[in-house]
Structures are given as structure tokens and as C-alpha cells.
Amino acid sequence: MTDTQQLRSLLGERLEIVQEITRLNARQLQNRQLFSGFELEVMLCERDLAQAGGAAAAADRLEQARAQRDTAEARLAEDDRELMESHRRLDAVDRRISES
């Protein structure tokens, strides 16, 4: 493989990683919005539960909102891991490009 072909290949790989990072950033933004909505729902449920004096329906709604919030939080953590890995791969490709 010639230097030009190798550089072209590396630039193609870099573009794919940048596109992946863009996709992950969009997914992370969506998951942050979902998490924020669930966090607000938890706060509203807690308020309603305090006002209702322990009504079973309010307690059930609070439990469900907390579960949804926790799921969204886990997705955010996964997004962070995937973004870190993608940035690590991008750094490695950038090093290889700079060495060519």
C-alpha cells in the first residue's frame, strides 16, 4: 500500500469515527432530555405523594418514574463510555495520520 493509499484509508477511518461521535452526541443529548423529564416527573410525584399523604396511586407513579429515571441514567453512562472509546480511537487514528 502506498503512502497516499494509506493516508486515504486513515482519513476514511477518521471520518467514520467522527460520524460515530456525532451520532453518539445526538443520542446523548436525547437521553439527557429524557433523563431531565424523568427527573422532573420524580419531583412532581414526590410532591403529589407528600400532598396526598401516601396514596397508593401516587406511590406507584413515583416508583415508575424513578425506574424510568434510573434507566435513562444508565443510558447516559453507556453513552459516556461509548463516547470515551470513540474519542480514544479518534486520537489513535490522528496519531497514525500525523506519523504518516
PDB file of N, CA and C in Angstrom:
ATOM      1  N   MET A   1       0.851  -1.168   0.000  1.00  0.00           N
ATOM      2  CA  MET A   1       0.000   0.000   0.000  1.00  0.00           C
ATOM      3  C   MET A   1       0.904   1.240   0.000  1.00  0.00           C
ATOM      4  N   THR A   2       0.633   2.157  -0.897  1.00  0.00           N
ATOM      5  CA  THR A   2       1.443   3.372  -0.981  1.00  0.00           C
ATOM      6  C   THR A   2       1.079   4.316   0.164  1.00  0.00           C
ATOM      7  N   ASP A   3       1.934   5.307   0.372  1.00  0.00           N
ATOM      8  CA  ASP A   3       1.676   6.294   1.420  1.00  0.00           C
ATOM      9  C   ASP A   3       0.358   7.022   1.180  1.00  0.00           C
ATOM     10  N   THR A   4       0.077   7.334  -0.068  1.00  0.00           N
ATOM     11  CA  THR A   4      -1.165   8.032  -0.408  1.00  0.00           C
ATOM     12  C   THR A   4      -2.377   7.161  -0.110  1.00  0.00           C
ATOM     13  N   GLN A   5      -2.288   5.891  -0.463  1.00  0.00           N
ATOM     14  CA  GLN A   5      -3.396   4.968  -0.194  1.00  0.00           C
ATOM     15  C   GLN A   5      -3.591   4.790   1.311  1.00  0.00           C
ATOM     16  N   GLN A   6      -2.477   4.677   2.031  1.00  0.00           N
ATOM     17  CA  GLN A   6      -2.563   4.517   3.479  1.00  0.00           C
ATOM     18  C   GLN A   6      -3.189   5.756   4.120  1.00  0.00           C
ATOM     19  N   LEU A   7      -2.776   6.936   3.675  1.00  0.00           N
ATOM     20  CA  LEU A   7      -3.340   8.167   4.220  1.00  0.00           C
ATOM     21  C   LEU A   7      -4.826   8.261   3.899  1.00  0.00           C
ATOM     22  N   ARG A   8      -5.194   7.902   2.688  1.00  0.00           N
ATOM     23  CA  ARG A   8      -6.600   7.913   2.294  1.00  0.00           C
ATOM     24  C   ARG A   8      -7.413   6.969   3.178  1.00  0.00           C
ATOM     25  N   SER A   9      -6.859   5.815   3.431  1.00  0.00           N
ATOM     26  CA  SER A   9      -7.528   4.835   4.281  1.00  0.00           C
ATOM     27  C   SER A   9      -7.698   5.381   5.706  1.00  0.00           C
ATOM     28  N   LEU A  10      -6.638   5.982   6.232  1.00  0.00           N
ATOM     29  CA  LEU A  10      -6.712   6.550   7.579  1.00  0.00           C
ATOM     30  C   LEU A  10      -7.726   7.688   7.653  1.00  0.00           C
ATOM     31  N   LEU A  11      -7.758   8.527   6.622  1.00  0.00           N
ATOM     32  CA  LEU A  11      -8.715   9.628   6.606  1.00  0.00           C
ATOM     33  C   LEU A  11     -10.152   9.104   6.519  1.00  0.00           C
ATOM     34  N   GLY A  12     -10.350   8.020   5.769  1.00  0.00           N
ATOM     35  CA  GLY A  12     -11.669   7.390   5.708  1.00  0.00           C
ATOM     36  C   GLY A  12     -12.074   6.833   7.062  1.00  0.00           C
ATOM     37  N   GLU A  13     -11.128   6.187   7.731  1.00  0.00           N
ATOM     38  CA  GLU A  13     -11.396   5.648   9.074  1.00  0.00           C
ATOM     39  C   GLU A  13     -11.715   6.782  10.039  1.00  0.00           C
ATOM     40  N   ARG A  14     -10.969   7.879   9.925  1.00  0.00           N
ATOM     41  CA  ARG A  14     -11.194   9.030  10.797  1.00  0.00           C
ATOM     42  C   ARG A  14     -12.593   9.599  10.580  1.00  0.00           C
ATOM     43  N   LEU A  15     -13.004   9.710   9.328  1.00  0.00           N
ATOM     44  CA  LEU A  15     -14.330  10.225   9.012  1.00  0.00           C
ATOM     45  C   LEU A  15     -15.420   9.343   9.625  1.00  0.00           C
ATOM     46  N   GLU A  16     -15.246   8.041   9.548  1.00  0.00           N
ATOM     47  CA  GLU A  16     -16.227   7.120  10.132  1.00  0.00           C
ATOM     48  C   GLU A  16     -16.333   7.320  11.637  1.00  0.00           C
ATOM     49  N   ILE A  17     -15.202   7.500  12.293  1.00  0.00           N
ATOM     50  CA  ILE A  17     -15.211   7.699  13.742  1.00  0.00           C
ATOM     51  C   ILE A  17     -15.874   9.028  14.099  1.00  0.00           C
ATOM     52  N   VAL A  18     -15.572  10.075  13.344  1.00  0.00           N
ATOM     53  CA  VAL A  18     -16.195  11.382  13.595  1.00  0.00           C
ATOM     54  C   VAL A  18     -17.711  11.282  13.414  1.00  0.00           C
ATOM     55  N   GLN A  19     -18.156  10.559  12.396  1.00  0.00           N
ATOM     56  CA  GLN A  19     -19.595  10.369  12.195  1.00  0.00           C
ATOM     57  C   GLN A  19     -20.211   9.601  13.363  1.00  0.00           C
ATOM     58  N   GLU A  20     -19.491   8.613  13.871  1.00  0.00           N
ATOM     59  CA  GLU A  20     -19.965   7.852  15.026  1.00  0.00           C
ATOM     60  C   GLU A  20     -20.074   8.760  16.247  1.00  0.00           C
ATOM     61  N   ILE A  21     -19.078   9.618  16.455  1.00  0.00           N
ATOM     62  CA  ILE A  21     -19.112  10.543  17.584  1.00  0.00           C
ATOM     63  C   ILE A  21     -20.294  11.498  17.452  1.00  0.00           C
ATOM     64  N   THR A  22     -20.553  11.953  16.251  1.00  0.00           N
ATOM     65  CA  THR A  22     -21.696  12.837  16.015  1.00  0.00           C
ATOM     66  C   THR A  22     -23.004  12.137  16.364  1.00  0.00           C
ATOM     67  N   ARG A  23     -23.126  10.887  15.942  1.00  0.00           N
ATOM     68  CA  ARG A  23     -24.332  10.095  16.256  1.00  0.00           C
ATOM     69  C   ARG A  23     -24.469   9.898  17.762  1.00  0.00           C
ATOM     70  N   LEU A  24     -23.346   9.585  18.423  1.00  0.00           N
ATOM     71  CA  LEU A  24     -23.372   9.383  19.873  1.00  0.00           C
ATOM     72  C   LEU A  24     -23.717  10.668  20.616  1.00  0.00           C
ATOM     73  N   ASN A  25     -23.200  11.789  20.146  1.00  0.00           N
ATOM     74  CA  ASN A  25     -23.529  13.072  20.782  1.00  0.00           C
ATOM     75  C   ASN A  25     -25.024  13.368  20.669  1.00  0.00           C
ATOM     76  N   ALA A  26     -25.606  13.079  19.509  1.00  0.00           N
ATOM     77  CA  ALA A  26     -27.044  13.299  19.319  1.00  0.00           C
ATOM     78  C   ALA A  26     -27.848  12.380  20.241  1.00  0.00           C
ATOM     79  N   ARG A  27     -27.426  11.124  20.327  1.00  0.00           N
ATOM     80  CA  ARG A  27     -28.122  10.178  21.206  1.00  0.00           C
ATOM     81  C   ARG A  27     -27.989  10.604  22.661  1.00  0.00           C
ATOM     82  N   GLN A  28     -26.801  11.079  23.033  1.00  0.00           N
ATOM     83  CA  GLN A  28     -26.593  11.523  24.405  1.00  0.00           C
ATOM     84  C   GLN A  28     -27.480  12.726  24.733  1.00  0.00           C
ATOM     85  N   LEU A  29     -27.603  13.657  23.797  1.00  0.00           N
ATOM     86  CA  LEU A  29     -28.471  14.814  24.016  1.00  0.00           C
ATOM     87  C   LEU A  29     -29.915  14.367  24.222  1.00  0.00           C
ATOM     88  N   GLN A  30     -30.365  13.447  23.393  1.00  0.00           N
ATOM     89  CA  GLN A  30     -31.732  12.938  23.542  1.00  0.00           C
ATOM     90  C   GLN A  30     -31.899  12.241  24.898  1.00  0.00           C
ATOM     91  N   ASN A  31     -30.926  11.452  25.289  1.00  0.00           N
ATOM     92  CA  ASN A  31     -31.014  10.762  26.579  1.00  0.00           C
ATOM     93  C   ASN A  31     -30.951  11.743  27.745  1.00  0.00           C
ATOM     94  N   ARG A  32     -30.197  12.822  27.617  1.00  0.00           N
ATOM     95  CA  ARG A  32     -30.176  13.852  28.667  1.00  0.00           C
ATOM     96  C   ARG A  32     -31.544  14.517  28.798  1.00  0.00           C
ATOM     97  N   GLN A  33     -32.179  14.766  27.664  1.00  0.00           N
ATOM     98  CA  GLN A  33     -33.516  15.359  27.705  1.00  0.00           C
ATOM     99  C   GLN A  33     -34.508  14.409  28.362  1.00  0.00           C
ATOM    100  N   LEU A  34     -34.437  13.134  28.013  1.00  0.00           N
ATOM    101  CA  LEU A  34     -35.310  12.142  28.647  1.00  0.00           C
ATOM    102  C   LEU A  34     -35.050  12.060  30.146  1.00  0.00           C
ATOM    103  N   PHE A  35     -33.779  12.021  30.523  1.00  0.00           N
ATOM    104  CA  PHE A  35     -33.428  11.957  31.936  1.00  0.00           C
ATOM    105  C   PHE A  35     -33.995  13.165  32.685  1.00  0.00           C
ATOM    106  N   SER A  36     -33.840  14.344  32.102  1.00  0.00           N
ATOM    107  CA  SER A  36     -34.349  15.558  32.748  1.00  0.00           C
ATOM    108  C   SER A  36     -35.864  15.494  32.917  1.00  0.00           C
ATOM    109  N   GLY A  37     -36.551  14.996  31.908  1.00  0.00           N
ATOM    110  CA  GLY A  37     -38.001  14.845  32.007  1.00  0.00           C
ATOM    111  C   GLY A  37     -38.399  13.871  33.097  1.00  0.00           C
ATOM    112  N   PHE A  38     -37.687  12.757  33.196  1.00  0.00           N
ATOM    113  CA  PHE A  38     -37.991  11.775  34.241  1.00  0.00           C
ATOM    114  C   PHE A  38     -37.646  12.334  35.621  1.00  0.00           C
ATOM    115  N   GLU A  39     -36.577  13.107  35.708  1.00  0.00           N
ATOM    116  CA  GLU A  39     -36.203  13.724  36.983  1.00  0.00           C
ATOM    117  C   GLU A  39     -37.309  14.680  37.442  1.00  0.00           C
ATOM    118  N   LEU A  40     -37.837  15.455  36.510  1.00  0.00           N
ATOM    119  CA  LEU A  40     -38.944  16.357  36.829  1.00  0.00           C
ATOM    120  C   LEU A  40     -40.166  15.559  37.262  1.00  0.00           C
ATOM    121  N   GLU A  41     -40.442  14.475  36.561  1.00  0.00           N
ATOM    122  CA  GLU A  41     -41.578  13.626  36.920  1.00  0.00           C
ATOM    123  C   GLU A  41     -41.421  13.079  38.339  1.00  0.00           C
ATOM    124  N   VAL A  42     -40.207  12.667  38.701  1.00  0.00           N
ATOM    125  CA  VAL A  42     -39.961  12.169  40.063  1.00  0.00           C
ATOM    126  C   VAL A  42     -40.272  13.263  41.070  1.00  0.00           C
ATOM    127  N   MET A  43     -39.797  14.471  40.799  1.00  0.00           N
ATOM    128  CA  MET A  43     -40.050  15.578  41.740  1.00  0.00           C
ATOM    129  C   MET A  43     -41.545  15.857  41.867  1.00  0.00           C
ATOM    130  N   LEU A  44     -42.264  15.829  40.767  1.00  0.00           N
ATOM    131  CA  LEU A  44     -43.710  16.052  40.814  1.00  0.00           C
ATOM    132  C   LEU A  44     -44.418  14.932  41.578  1.00  0.00           C
ATOM    133  N   CYS A  45     -43.985  13.721  41.356  1.00  0.00           N
ATOM    134  CA  CYS A  45     -44.576  12.584  42.075  1.00  0.00           C
ATOM    135  C   CYS A  45     -44.309  12.688  43.576  1.00  0.00           C
ATOM    136  N   GLU A  46     -43.097  13.067  43.936  1.00  0.00           N
ATOM    137  CA  GLU A  46     -42.777  13.230  45.360  1.00  0.00           C
ATOM    138  C   GLU A  46     -43.644  14.312  45.989  1.00  0.00           C
ATOM    139  N   ARG A  47     -43.850  15.402  45.249  1.00  0.00           N
ATOM    140  CA  ARG A  47     -44.712  16.478  45.752  1.00  0.00           C
ATOM    141  C   ARG A  47     -46.140  15.975  45.914  1.00  0.00           C
ATOM    142  N   ASP A  48     -46.635  15.280  44.889  1.00  0.00           N
ATOM    143  CA  ASP A  48     -48.003  14.758  44.944  1.00  0.00           C
ATOM    144  C   ASP A  48     -48.168  13.750  46.077  1.00  0.00           C
ATOM    145  N   LEU A  49     -47.156  12.936  46.280  1.00  0.00           N
ATOM    146  CA  LEU A  49     -47.212  11.938  47.349  1.00  0.00           C
ATOM    147  C   LEU A  49     -47.250  12.614  48.708  1.00  0.00           C
ATOM    148  N   ALA A  50     -46.461  13.662  48.873  1.00  0.00           N
ATOM    149  CA  ALA A  50     -46.457  14.392  50.146  1.00  0.00           C
ATOM    150  C   ALA A  50     -47.812  15.048  50.395  1.00  0.00           C
ATOM    151  N   GLN A  51     -48.428  15.552  49.338  1.00  0.00           N
ATOM    152  CA  GLN A  51     -49.725  16.214  49.487  1.00  0.00           C
ATOM    153  C   GLN A  51     -50.854  15.211  49.666  1.00  0.00           C
ATOM    154  N   ALA A  52     -50.716  14.052  49.044  1.00  0.00           N
ATOM    155  CA  ALA A  52     -51.775  13.042  49.098  1.00  0.00           C
ATOM    156  C   ALA A  52     -51.687  12.214  50.373  1.00  0.00           C
ATOM    157  N   GLY A  53     -50.587  12.354  51.079  1.00  0.00           N
ATOM    158  CA  GLY A  53     -50.457  11.607  52.327  1.00  0.00           C
ATOM    159  C   GLY A  53     -50.266  10.120  52.138  1.00  0.00           C
ATOM    160  N   GLY A  54     -49.550   9.723  51.113  1.00  0.00           N
ATOM    161  CA  GLY A  54     -49.212   8.316  50.929  1.00  0.00           C
ATOM    162  C   GLY A  54     -50.209   7.532  50.112  1.00  0.00           C
ATOM    163  N   ALA A  55     -50.939   8.176  49.230  1.00  0.00           N
ATOM    164  CA  ALA A  55     -51.901   7.465  48.380  1.00  0.00           C
ATOM    165  C   ALA A  55     -51.163   6.425  47.535  1.00  0.00           C
ATOM    166  N   ALA A  56     -51.757   5.264  47.391  1.00  0.00           N
ATOM    167  CA  ALA A  56     -51.120   4.152  46.678  1.00  0.00           C
ATOM    168  C   ALA A  56     -50.842   4.501  45.214  1.00  0.00           C
ATOM    169  N   ALA A  57     -51.751   5.208  44.565  1.00  0.00           N
ATOM    170  CA  ALA A  57     -51.560   5.558  43.158  1.00  0.00           C
ATOM    171  C   ALA A  57     -50.358   6.480  43.001  1.00  0.00           C
ATOM    172  N   ALA A  58     -50.216   7.435  43.903  1.00  0.00           N
ATOM    173  CA  ALA A  58     -49.089   8.366  43.843  1.00  0.00           C
ATOM    174  C   ALA A  58     -47.775   7.626  44.102  1.00  0.00           C
ATOM    175  N   ALA A  59     -47.786   6.682  45.020  1.00  0.00           N
ATOM    176  CA  ALA A  59     -46.588   5.897  45.326  1.00  0.00           C
ATOM    177  C   ALA A  59     -46.189   5.037  44.132  1.00  0.00           C
ATOM    178  N   ASP A  60     -47.175   4.445  43.479  1.00  0.00           N
ATOM    179  CA  ASP A  60     -46.892   3.626  42.288  1.00  0.00           C
ATOM    180  C   ASP A  60     -46.308   4.490  41.167  1.00  0.00           C
ATOM    181  N   ARG A  61     -46.881   5.664  40.965  1.00  0.00           N
ATOM    182  CA  ARG A  61     -46.392   6.583  39.934  1.00  0.00           C
ATOM    183  C   ARG A  61     -44.964   7.021  40.236  1.00  0.00           C
ATOM    184  N   LEU A  62     -44.683   7.266  41.497  1.00  0.00           N
ATOM    185  CA  LEU A  62     -43.328   7.655  41.902  1.00  0.00           C
ATOM    186  C   LEU A  62     -42.344   6.517  41.634  1.00  0.00           C
ATOM    187  N   GLU A  63     -42.711   5.308  41.975  1.00  0.00           N
ATOM    188  CA  GLU A  63     -41.837   4.151  41.745  1.00  0.00           C
ATOM    189  C   GLU A  63     -41.545   3.976  40.257  1.00  0.00           C
ATOM    190  N   GLN A  64     -42.561   4.127  39.430  1.00  0.00           N
ATOM    191  CA  GLN A  64     -42.382   4.000  37.983  1.00  0.00           C
ATOM    192  C   GLN A  64     -41.487   5.125  37.445  1.00  0.00           C
ATOM    193  N   ALA A  65     -41.694   6.343  37.911  1.00  0.00           N
ATOM    194  CA  ALA A  65     -40.882   7.479  37.458  1.00  0.00           C
ATOM    195  C   ALA A  65     -39.422   7.286  37.859  1.00  0.00           C
ATOM    196  N   ARG A  66     -39.192   6.781  39.051  1.00  0.00           N
ATOM    197  CA  ARG A  66     -37.811   6.522  39.490  1.00  0.00           C
ATOM    198  C   ARG A  66     -37.151   5.442  38.637  1.00  0.00           C
ATOM    199  N   ALA A  67     -37.895   4.416  38.307  1.00  0.00           N
ATOM    200  CA  ALA A  67     -37.346   3.347  37.464  1.00  0.00           C
ATOM    201  C   ALA A  67     -36.988   3.890  36.076  1.00  0.00           C
ATOM    202  N   GLN A  68     -37.848   4.721  35.509  1.00  0.00           N
ATOM    203  CA  GLN A  68     -37.568   5.311  34.204  1.00  0.00           C
ATOM    204  C   GLN A  68     -36.356   6.234  34.278  1.00  0.00           C
ATOM    205  N   ARG A  69     -36.269   7.011  35.345  1.00  0.00           N
ATOM    206  CA  ARG A  69     -35.124   7.904  35.524  1.00  0.00           C
ATOM    207  C   ARG A  69     -33.833   7.103  35.644  1.00  0.00           C
ATOM    208  N   ASP A  70     -33.873   6.027  36.404  1.00  0.00           N
ATOM    209  CA  ASP A  70     -32.683   5.194  36.583  1.00  0.00           C
ATOM    210  C   ASP A  70     -32.251   4.548  35.268  1.00  0.00           C
ATOM    211  N   THR A  71     -33.218   4.130  34.460  1.00  0.00           N
ATOM    212  CA  THR A  71     -32.906   3.565  33.146  1.00  0.00           C
ATOM    213  C   THR A  71     -32.252   4.616  32.257  1.00  0.00           C
ATOM    214  N   ALA A  72     -32.794   5.824  32.263  1.00  0.00           N
ATOM    215  CA  ALA A  72     -32.224   6.913  31.461  1.00  0.00           C
ATOM    216  C   ALA A  72     -30.819   7.252  31.950  1.00  0.00           C
ATOM    217  N   GLU A  73     -30.610   7.210  33.249  1.00  0.00           N
ATOM    218  CA  GLU A  73     -29.278   7.492  33.805  1.00  0.00           C
ATOM    219  C   GLU A  73     -28.271   6.423  33.376  1.00  0.00           C
ATOM    220  N   ALA A  74     -28.705   5.179  33.330  1.00  0.00           N
ATOM    221  CA  ALA A  74     -27.831   4.091  32.868  1.00  0.00           C
ATOM    222  C   ALA A  74     -27.477   4.278  31.391  1.00  0.00           C
ATOM    223  N   ARG A  75     -28.446   4.741  30.608  1.00  0.00           N
ATOM    224  CA  ARG A  75     -28.170   5.007  29.188  1.00  0.00           C
ATOM    225  C   ARG A  75     -27.147   6.131  29.037  1.00  0.00           C
ATOM    226  N   LEU A  76     -27.251   7.149  29.880  1.00  0.00           N
ATOM    227  CA  LEU A  76     -26.276   8.243  29.835  1.00  0.00           C
ATOM    228  C   LEU A  76     -24.875   7.739  30.163  1.00  0.00           C
ATOM    229  N   ALA A  77     -24.779   6.855  31.137  1.00  0.00           N
ATOM    230  CA  ALA A  77     -23.474   6.291  31.494  1.00  0.00           C
ATOM    231  C   ALA A  77     -22.909   5.482  30.327  1.00  0.00           C
ATOM    232  N   GLU A  78     -23.758   4.744  29.648  1.00  0.00           N
ATOM    233  CA  GLU A  78     -23.322   3.976  28.471  1.00  0.00           C
ATOM    234  C   GLU A  78     -22.886   4.921  27.348  1.00  0.00           C
ATOM    235  N   ASP A  79     -23.638   5.993  27.156  1.00  0.00           N
ATOM    236  CA  ASP A  79     -23.245   6.996  26.156  1.00  0.00           C
ATOM    237  C   ASP A  79     -21.855   7.536  26.465  1.00  0.00           C
ATOM    238  N   ASP A  80     -21.611   7.850  27.731  1.00  0.00           N
ATOM    239  CA  ASP A  80     -20.304   8.375  28.131  1.00  0.00           C
ATOM    240  C   ASP A  80     -19.187   7.376  27.826  1.00  0.00           C
ATOM    241  N   ARG A  81     -19.426   6.108  28.139  1.00  0.00           N
ATOM    242  CA  ARG A  81     -18.415   5.078  27.861  1.00  0.00           C
ATOM    243  C   ARG A  81     -18.139   4.968  26.365  1.00  0.00           C
ATOM    244  N   GLU A  82     -19.206   4.947  25.571  1.00  0.00           N
ATOM    245  CA  GLU A  82     -19.029   4.816  24.126  1.00  0.00           C
ATOM    246  C   GLU A  82     -18.331   6.043  23.539  1.00  0.00           C
ATOM    247  N   LEU A  83     -18.667   7.225  24.039  1.00  0.00           N
ATOM    248  CA  LEU A  83     -18.007   8.438  23.556  1.00  0.00           C
ATOM    249  C   LEU A  83     -16.527   8.440  23.911  1.00  0.00           C
ATOM    250  N   MET A  84     -16.205   8.024  25.127  1.00  0.00           N
ATOM    251  CA  MET A  84     -14.795   7.966  25.524  1.00  0.00           C
ATOM    252  C   MET A  84     -14.024   7.008  24.630  1.00  0.00           C
ATOM    253  N   GLU A  85     -14.608   5.863  24.337  1.00  0.00           N
ATOM    254  CA  GLU A  85     -13.955   4.876  23.473  1.00  0.00           C
ATOM    255  C   GLU A  85     -13.786   5.429  22.056  1.00  0.00           C
ATOM    256  N   SER A  86     -14.801   6.091  21.539  1.00  0.00           N
ATOM    257  CA  SER A  86     -14.707   6.666  20.192  1.00  0.00           C
ATOM    258  C   SER A  86     -13.643   7.754  20.139  1.00  0.00           C
ATOM    259  N   HIS A  87     -13.578   8.583  21.161  1.00  0.00           N
ATOM    260  CA  HIS A  87     -12.546   9.630  21.199  1.00  0.00           C
ATOM    261  C   HIS A  87     -11.148   9.010  21.318  1.00  0.00           C
ATOM    262  N   ARG A  88     -11.043   7.919  22.049  1.00  0.00           N
ATOM    263  CA  ARG A  88      -9.754   7.217  22.153  1.00  0.00           C
ATOM    264  C   ARG A  88      -9.336   6.703  20.785  1.00  0.00           C
ATOM    265  N   ARG A  89     -10.284   6.107  20.060  1.00  0.00           N
ATOM    266  CA  ARG A  89      -9.989   5.601  18.713  1.00  0.00           C
ATOM    267  C   ARG A  89      -9.625   6.741  17.769  1.00  0.00           C
ATOM    268  N   LEU A  90     -10.327   7.863  17.886  1.00  0.00           N
ATOM    269  CA  LEU A  90     -10.029   9.019  17.036  1.00  0.00           C
ATOM    270  C   LEU A  90      -8.625   9.536  17.318  1.00  0.00           C
ATOM    271  N   ASP A  91      -8.258   9.618  18.592  1.00  0.00           N
ATOM    272  CA  ASP A  91      -6.902  10.057  18.944  1.00  0.00           C
ATOM    273  C   ASP A  91      -5.848   9.127  18.345  1.00  0.00           C
ATOM    274  N   ALA A  92      -6.125   7.826  18.397  1.00  0.00           N
ATOM    275  CA  ALA A  92      -5.172   6.851  17.849  1.00  0.00           C
ATOM    276  C   ALA A  92      -5.025   7.032  16.335  1.00  0.00           C
ATOM    277  N   VAL A  93      -6.128   7.238  15.643  1.00  0.00           N
ATOM    278  CA  VAL A  93      -6.065   7.446  14.191  1.00  0.00           C
ATOM    279  C   VAL A  93      -5.341   8.754  13.887  1.00  0.00           C
ATOM    280  N   ASP A  94      -5.627   9.781  14.650  1.00  0.00           N
ATOM    281  CA  ASP A  94      -4.942  11.077  14.440  1.00  0.00           C
ATOM    282  C   ASP A  94      -3.425  10.940  14.629  1.00  0.00           C
ATOM    283  N   ARG A  95      -3.026  10.147  15.608  1.00  0.00           N
ATOM    284  CA  ARG A  95      -1.580   9.900  15.800  1.00  0.00           C
ATOM    285  C   ARG A  95      -0.979   9.194  14.591  1.00  0.00           C
ATOM    286  N   ARG A  96      -1.705   8.190  14.101  1.00  0.00           N
ATOM    287  CA  ARG A  96      -1.226   7.456  12.924  1.00  0.00           C
ATOM    288  C   ARG A  96      -1.144   8.377  11.709  1.00  0.00           C
ATOM    289  N   ILE A  97      -2.109   9.273  11.565  1.00  0.00           N
ATOM    290  CA  ILE A  97      -2.087  10.222  10.445  1.00  0.00           C
ATOM    291  C   ILE A  97      -0.895  11.152  10.579  1.00  0.00           C
ATOM    292  N   SER A  98      -0.652  11.635  11.774  1.00  0.00           N
ATOM    293  CA  SER A  98       0.464  12.571  11.961  1.00  0.00           C
ATOM    294  C   SER A  98       1.822  11.896  11.741  1.00  0.00           C
ATOM    295  N   GLU A  99       1.876  10.588  11.935  1.00  0.00           N
ATOM    296  CA  GLU A  99       3.120   9.854  11.727  1.00  0.00           C
ATOM    297  C   GLU A  99       3.343   9.495  10.252  1.00  0.00           C
ATOM    298  N   SER A 100       2.291   9.616   9.426  1.00  0.00           N
ATOM    299  CA  SER A 100       2.448   9.238   8.015  1.00  0.00           C
ATOM    300  C   SER A 100       3.033  10.375   7.200  1.00  0.00           C
TER     301      SER A 100
END
